[in-house]
Amino acid sequence: MIEQWHQLFSGNLLSQRYQRGEKLSAAESTALSECVETWRSRLMDISWFMRVLNEGIARQANAEDECTGRFWEGRFKSQALLDWVSRFILGEKQPSLPAWRM
């Protein structure tokens, strides 16, 4: 399990020491076991995987666009569409389409 985690991430000091074959104390082994259980659950969690996947994409996109923040934040706005939908929901008989659609 630790090897699988280290293929994706650097792990922590205890897991790195374990990988090198160093002897761990009982307390260190217990702490490492708790980390391994957390890592195991994360590797089986699709939501966590998507978050990690998105982080790399966001970092690259932010560097290219020279901006900060969440990946989609400020990049795409659909305000005109939201305005049209809200007018439609509120009952305007025939709301005019947003300017970008004309």
C-alpha atoms as a PDB file:
ATOM      1  CA  MET A   1       0.000   0.000   0.000  1.00  0.00           C
ATOM      2  CA  ILE A   2       2.808   2.389   0.899  1.00  0.00           C
ATOM      3  CA  GLU A   3       4.508   1.694  -2.421  1.00  0.00           C
ATOM      4  CA  GLN A   4       1.301   2.535  -4.282  1.00  0.00           C
ATOM      5  CA  TRP A   5       0.962   5.808  -2.360  1.00  0.00           C
ATOM      6  CA  HIS A   6       4.581   6.709  -3.085  1.00  0.00           C
ATOM      7  CA  GLN A   7       3.970   6.261  -6.799  1.00  0.00           C
ATOM      8  CA  LEU A   8       1.588   9.230  -6.617  1.00  0.00           C
ATOM      9  CA  PHE A   9       2.772  11.264  -3.617  1.00  0.00           C
ATOM     10  CA  SER A  10       5.901  11.690  -1.553  1.00  0.00           C
ATOM     11  CA  GLY A  11       4.287  10.299   1.597  1.00  0.00           C
ATOM     12  CA  ASN A  12       5.524  11.394   4.996  1.00  0.00           C
ATOM     13  CA  LEU A  13       8.722  10.981   6.981  1.00  0.00           C
ATOM     14  CA  LEU A  14       7.588   7.704   8.538  1.00  0.00           C
ATOM     15  CA  SER A  15       6.575   6.124   5.240  1.00  0.00           C
ATOM     16  CA  GLN A  16       9.827   7.227   3.636  1.00  0.00           C
ATOM     17  CA  ARG A  17      11.823   5.716   6.498  1.00  0.00           C
ATOM     18  CA  TYR A  18       9.791   2.502   6.205  1.00  0.00           C
ATOM     19  CA  GLN A  19      10.478   2.355   2.449  1.00  0.00           C
ATOM     20  CA  ARG A  20      14.210   2.672   3.108  1.00  0.00           C
ATOM     21  CA  GLY A  21      13.983  -0.319   5.469  1.00  0.00           C
ATOM     22  CA  GLU A  22      14.686   1.620   8.668  1.00  0.00           C
ATOM     23  CA  LYS A  23      13.440   0.202  11.970  1.00  0.00           C
ATOM     24  CA  LEU A  24      10.391   2.045  13.365  1.00  0.00           C
ATOM     25  CA  SER A  25       9.425   2.200  17.028  1.00  0.00           C
ATOM     26  CA  ALA A  26       6.063   0.827  18.157  1.00  0.00           C
ATOM     27  CA  ALA A  27       4.587   4.342  18.339  1.00  0.00           C
ATOM     28  CA  GLU A  28       5.914   5.175  14.875  1.00  0.00           C
ATOM     29  CA  SER A  29       4.504   1.922  13.476  1.00  0.00           C
ATOM     30  CA  THR A  30       1.104   2.729  14.987  1.00  0.00           C
ATOM     31  CA  ALA A  31       1.163   6.235  13.515  1.00  0.00           C
ATOM     32  CA  LEU A  32       2.196   4.859  10.118  1.00  0.00           C
ATOM     33  CA  SER A  33      -0.620   2.293  10.234  1.00  0.00           C
ATOM     34  CA  GLU A  34      -3.134   5.094  10.807  1.00  0.00           C
ATOM     35  CA  CYS A  35      -1.701   7.013   7.832  1.00  0.00           C
ATOM     36  CA  VAL A  36      -1.886   3.917   5.661  1.00  0.00           C
ATOM     37  CA  GLU A  37      -5.566   3.435   6.510  1.00  0.00           C
ATOM     38  CA  THR A  38      -6.255   7.047   5.557  1.00  0.00           C
ATOM     39  CA  TRP A  39      -4.334   6.637   2.299  1.00  0.00           C
ATOM     40  CA  ARG A  40      -6.172   3.395   1.502  1.00  0.00           C
ATOM     41  CA  SER A  41      -9.561   5.060   1.930  1.00  0.00           C
ATOM     42  CA  ARG A  42      -8.449   8.023  -0.183  1.00  0.00           C
ATOM     43  CA  LEU A  43      -7.233   5.819  -3.029  1.00  0.00           C
ATOM     44  CA  MET A  44     -10.672   4.164  -3.153  1.00  0.00           C
ATOM     45  CA  ASP A  45     -12.605   7.462  -3.008  1.00  0.00           C
ATOM     46  CA  ILE A  46     -13.517   8.824  -6.460  1.00  0.00           C
ATOM     47  CA  SER A  47     -14.361  12.264  -5.046  1.00  0.00           C
ATOM     48  CA  TRP A  48     -10.937  12.577  -3.486  1.00  0.00           C
ATOM     49  CA  PHE A  49      -9.317  11.384  -6.729  1.00  0.00           C
ATOM     50  CA  MET A  50     -11.180  14.000  -8.770  1.00  0.00           C
ATOM     51  CA  ARG A  51     -10.119  16.730  -6.322  1.00  0.00           C
ATOM     52  CA  VAL A  52      -6.469  15.708  -6.643  1.00  0.00           C
ATOM     53  CA  LEU A  53      -6.787  15.479 -10.434  1.00  0.00           C
ATOM     54  CA  ASN A  54      -8.400  18.923 -10.627  1.00  0.00           C
ATOM     55  CA  GLU A  55      -5.672  20.460  -8.464  1.00  0.00           C
ATOM     56  CA  GLY A  56      -2.955  19.709 -11.009  1.00  0.00           C
ATOM     57  CA  ILE A  57      -5.068  21.002 -13.874  1.00  0.00           C
ATOM     58  CA  ALA A  58      -5.936  24.146 -11.894  1.00  0.00           C
ATOM     59  CA  ARG A  59      -2.294  24.863 -11.061  1.00  0.00           C
ATOM     60  CA  GLN A  60      -1.299  24.547 -14.714  1.00  0.00           C
ATOM     61  CA  ALA A  61      -4.211  26.671 -15.952  1.00  0.00           C
ATOM     62  CA  ASN A  62      -3.589  29.317 -13.284  1.00  0.00           C
ATOM     63  CA  ALA A  63       0.070  29.512 -14.305  1.00  0.00           C
ATOM     64  CA  GLU A  64      -0.857  29.847 -17.980  1.00  0.00           C
ATOM     65  CA  ASP A  65      -3.501  32.503 -17.264  1.00  0.00           C
ATOM     66  CA  GLU A  66      -1.390  34.204 -14.582  1.00  0.00           C
ATOM     67  CA  CYS A  67      -4.241  34.126 -12.083  1.00  0.00           C
ATOM     68  CA  THR A  68      -5.085  32.523  -8.761  1.00  0.00           C
ATOM     69  CA  GLY A  69      -8.111  30.911  -7.188  1.00  0.00           C
ATOM     70  CA  ARG A  70     -10.264  27.928  -7.998  1.00  0.00           C
ATOM     71  CA  PHE A  71     -10.018  26.524 -11.515  1.00  0.00           C
ATOM     72  CA  TRP A  72     -13.339  27.763 -12.918  1.00  0.00           C
ATOM     73  CA  GLU A  73     -13.503  30.889 -10.779  1.00  0.00           C
ATOM     74  CA  GLY A  74     -13.641  33.963 -12.984  1.00  0.00           C
ATOM     75  CA  ARG A  75     -12.902  32.119 -16.222  1.00  0.00           C
ATOM     76  CA  PHE A  76     -16.385  31.565 -17.582  1.00  0.00           C
ATOM     77  CA  LYS A  77     -19.433  33.585 -16.707  1.00  0.00           C
ATOM     78  CA  SER A  78     -22.901  32.727 -17.852  1.00  0.00           C
ATOM     79  CA  GLN A  79     -24.650  35.722 -16.338  1.00  0.00           C
ATOM     80  CA  ALA A  80     -26.660  36.489 -19.470  1.00  0.00           C
ATOM     81  CA  LEU A  81     -27.999  32.950 -19.568  1.00  0.00           C
ATOM     82  CA  LEU A  82     -28.809  33.046 -15.855  1.00  0.00           C
ATOM     83  CA  ASP A  83     -30.696  36.313 -16.323  1.00  0.00           C
ATOM     84  CA  TRP A  84     -32.702  34.806 -19.173  1.00  0.00           C
ATOM     85  CA  VAL A  85     -33.490  31.667 -17.161  1.00  0.00           C
ATOM     86  CA  SER A  86     -34.578  33.703 -14.142  1.00  0.00           C
ATOM     87  CA  ARG A  87     -36.887  35.855 -16.303  1.00  0.00           C
ATOM     88  CA  PHE A  88     -38.305  32.701 -17.882  1.00  0.00           C
ATOM     89  CA  ILE A  89     -38.899  31.104 -14.473  1.00  0.00           C
ATOM     90  CA  LEU A  90     -40.478  34.277 -13.125  1.00  0.00           C
ATOM     91  CA  GLY A  91     -43.036  34.104 -15.875  1.00  0.00           C
ATOM     92  CA  GLU A  92     -42.145  36.550 -18.618  1.00  0.00           C
ATOM     93  CA  LYS A  93     -44.114  35.398 -21.630  1.00  0.00           C
ATOM     94  CA  GLN A  94     -41.253  35.568 -24.104  1.00  0.00           C
ATOM     95  CA  PRO A  95     -38.033  36.792 -22.543  1.00  0.00           C
ATOM     96  CA  SER A  96     -35.598  38.025 -25.132  1.00  0.00           C
ATOM     97  CA  LEU A  97     -32.573  35.840 -25.625  1.00  0.00           C
ATOM     98  CA  PRO A  98     -29.252  37.043 -24.263  1.00  0.00           C
ATOM     99  CA  ALA A  99     -27.210  39.254 -26.585  1.00  0.00           C
ATOM    100  CA  TRP A 100     -24.658  36.522 -27.243  1.00  0.00           C
ATOM    101  CA  ARG A 101     -27.388  34.363 -28.828  1.00  0.00           C
ATOM    102  CA  MET A 102     -28.697  37.006 -31.237  1.00  0.00           C
END
